[in-house]
Amino acid sequence: MSKSKNEELVKLGNHLRAFRESKDISQEKLALIAEMHRNYMGILERGEQNASYLILLKIAKALEVTISELLDF
């Protein structure tokens, strides 16, 4: 993976973490609400893997925000 792509994933991960923390939700609770494994949520927040549209949709719904808000970083 190129450095620029990795930097974008890290930015997204930081943004996801900030949204989660602003709602005072643990990683484990968010993963439960979004119906995904807690470890996968950590992988996304660290920018180690790209999330699909469907995963981002689940996270946005769990955080009660739009995908646009989730991707506005």
C-alpha atoms as a PDB file:
ATOM      1  CA  MET A   1       0.000   0.000   0.000  1.00  0.00           C
ATOM      2  CA  SER A   2       1.365   3.415  -0.882  1.00  0.00           C
ATOM      3  CA  LYS A   3       2.144   5.886   1.840  1.00  0.00           C
ATOM      4  CA  SER A   4      -0.478   8.393   0.642  1.00  0.00           C
ATOM      5  CA  LYS A   5      -3.231   5.769   0.762  1.00  0.00           C
ATOM      6  CA  ASN A   6      -2.124   4.709   4.229  1.00  0.00           C
ATOM      7  CA  GLU A   7      -2.175   8.334   5.406  1.00  0.00           C
ATOM      8  CA  GLU A   8      -5.769   8.676   4.201  1.00  0.00           C
ATOM      9  CA  LEU A   9      -6.786   5.516   6.050  1.00  0.00           C
ATOM     10  CA  VAL A  10      -5.134   6.843   9.214  1.00  0.00           C
ATOM     11  CA  LYS A  11      -7.039  10.134   8.812  1.00  0.00           C
ATOM     12  CA  LEU A  12     -10.304   8.228   8.432  1.00  0.00           C
ATOM     13  CA  GLY A  13      -9.468   6.073  11.440  1.00  0.00           C
ATOM     14  CA  ASN A  14      -8.712   9.129  13.562  1.00  0.00           C
ATOM     15  CA  HIS A  15     -11.986  10.684  12.460  1.00  0.00           C
ATOM     16  CA  LEU A  16     -13.921   7.514  13.316  1.00  0.00           C
ATOM     17  CA  ARG A  17     -12.291   7.444  16.749  1.00  0.00           C
ATOM     18  CA  ALA A  18     -13.112  11.128  17.340  1.00  0.00           C
ATOM     19  CA  PHE A  19     -16.783  10.567  16.463  1.00  0.00           C
ATOM     20  CA  ARG A  20     -16.927   7.526  18.725  1.00  0.00           C
ATOM     21  CA  GLU A  21     -15.270   9.314  21.622  1.00  0.00           C
ATOM     22  CA  SER A  22     -17.477  12.398  21.176  1.00  0.00           C
ATOM     23  CA  LYS A  23     -20.469  10.110  21.716  1.00  0.00           C
ATOM     24  CA  ASP A  24     -18.748   8.536  24.747  1.00  0.00           C
ATOM     25  CA  ILE A  25     -19.027   5.054  23.227  1.00  0.00           C
ATOM     26  CA  SER A  26     -16.409   2.378  23.730  1.00  0.00           C
ATOM     27  CA  GLN A  27     -14.912   0.597  20.756  1.00  0.00           C
ATOM     28  CA  GLU A  28     -16.521  -2.602  21.977  1.00  0.00           C
ATOM     29  CA  LYS A  29     -19.985  -1.047  22.271  1.00  0.00           C
ATOM     30  CA  LEU A  30     -19.756   0.586  18.839  1.00  0.00           C
ATOM     31  CA  ALA A  31     -18.698  -2.715  17.306  1.00  0.00           C
ATOM     32  CA  LEU A  32     -21.643  -4.436  18.970  1.00  0.00           C
ATOM     33  CA  ILE A  33     -24.134  -1.833  17.716  1.00  0.00           C
ATOM     34  CA  ALA A  34     -22.614  -1.890  14.213  1.00  0.00           C
ATOM     35  CA  GLU A  35     -22.630  -5.705  14.220  1.00  0.00           C
ATOM     36  CA  MET A  36     -18.915  -6.178  13.682  1.00  0.00           C
ATOM     37  CA  HIS A  37     -16.026  -7.585  15.682  1.00  0.00           C
ATOM     38  CA  ARG A  38     -14.358  -5.269  18.193  1.00  0.00           C
ATOM     39  CA  ASN A  39     -10.930  -6.089  16.758  1.00  0.00           C
ATOM     40  CA  TYR A  40     -12.048  -4.985  13.293  1.00  0.00           C
ATOM     41  CA  MET A  41     -13.163  -1.626  14.703  1.00  0.00           C
ATOM     42  CA  GLY A  42      -9.666  -1.194  16.152  1.00  0.00           C
ATOM     43  CA  ILE A  43      -8.095  -2.075  12.810  1.00  0.00           C
ATOM     44  CA  LEU A  44     -10.198   0.600  11.102  1.00  0.00           C
ATOM     45  CA  GLU A  45      -9.450   3.224  13.743  1.00  0.00           C
ATOM     46  CA  ARG A  46      -5.725   2.585  13.370  1.00  0.00           C
ATOM     47  CA  GLY A  47      -6.009   2.945   9.590  1.00  0.00           C
ATOM     48  CA  GLU A  48      -4.704  -0.542   8.955  1.00  0.00           C
ATOM     49  CA  GLN A  49      -7.459  -1.583   6.575  1.00  0.00           C
ATOM     50  CA  ASN A  50      -9.817   0.073   4.129  1.00  0.00           C
ATOM     51  CA  ALA A  51     -13.504  -0.083   5.063  1.00  0.00           C
ATOM     52  CA  SER A  52     -16.170  -0.960   2.531  1.00  0.00           C
ATOM     53  CA  TYR A  53     -19.195   1.218   1.917  1.00  0.00           C
ATOM     54  CA  LEU A  54     -21.398  -1.210   3.829  1.00  0.00           C
ATOM     55  CA  ILE A  55     -19.092  -1.150   6.859  1.00  0.00           C
ATOM     56  CA  LEU A  56     -19.026   2.663   6.818  1.00  0.00           C
ATOM     57  CA  LEU A  57     -22.817   2.665   6.560  1.00  0.00           C
ATOM     58  CA  LYS A  58     -23.105   0.403   9.622  1.00  0.00           C
ATOM     59  CA  ILE A  59     -20.718   2.610  11.588  1.00  0.00           C
ATOM     60  CA  ALA A  60     -22.523   5.801  10.566  1.00  0.00           C
ATOM     61  CA  LYS A  61     -25.877   4.337  11.605  1.00  0.00           C
ATOM     62  CA  ALA A  62     -24.436   3.156  14.917  1.00  0.00           C
ATOM     63  CA  LEU A  63     -23.032   6.645  15.585  1.00  0.00           C
ATOM     64  CA  GLU A  64     -26.257   8.285  14.370  1.00  0.00           C
ATOM     65  CA  VAL A  65     -24.462  10.386  11.736  1.00  0.00           C
ATOM     66  CA  THR A  66     -24.529  10.430   7.958  1.00  0.00           C
ATOM     67  CA  ILE A  67     -21.824   8.854   5.859  1.00  0.00           C
ATOM     68  CA  SER A  68     -21.048  12.367   4.611  1.00  0.00           C
ATOM     69  CA  GLU A  69     -20.347  13.470   8.174  1.00  0.00           C
ATOM     70  CA  LEU A  70     -18.261  10.386   8.786  1.00  0.00           C
ATOM     71  CA  LEU A  71     -16.139  11.080   5.699  1.00  0.00           C
ATOM     72  CA  ASP A  72     -15.830  14.851   6.208  1.00  0.00           C
ATOM     73  CA  PHE A  73     -12.276  15.047   7.535  1.00  0.00           C
END
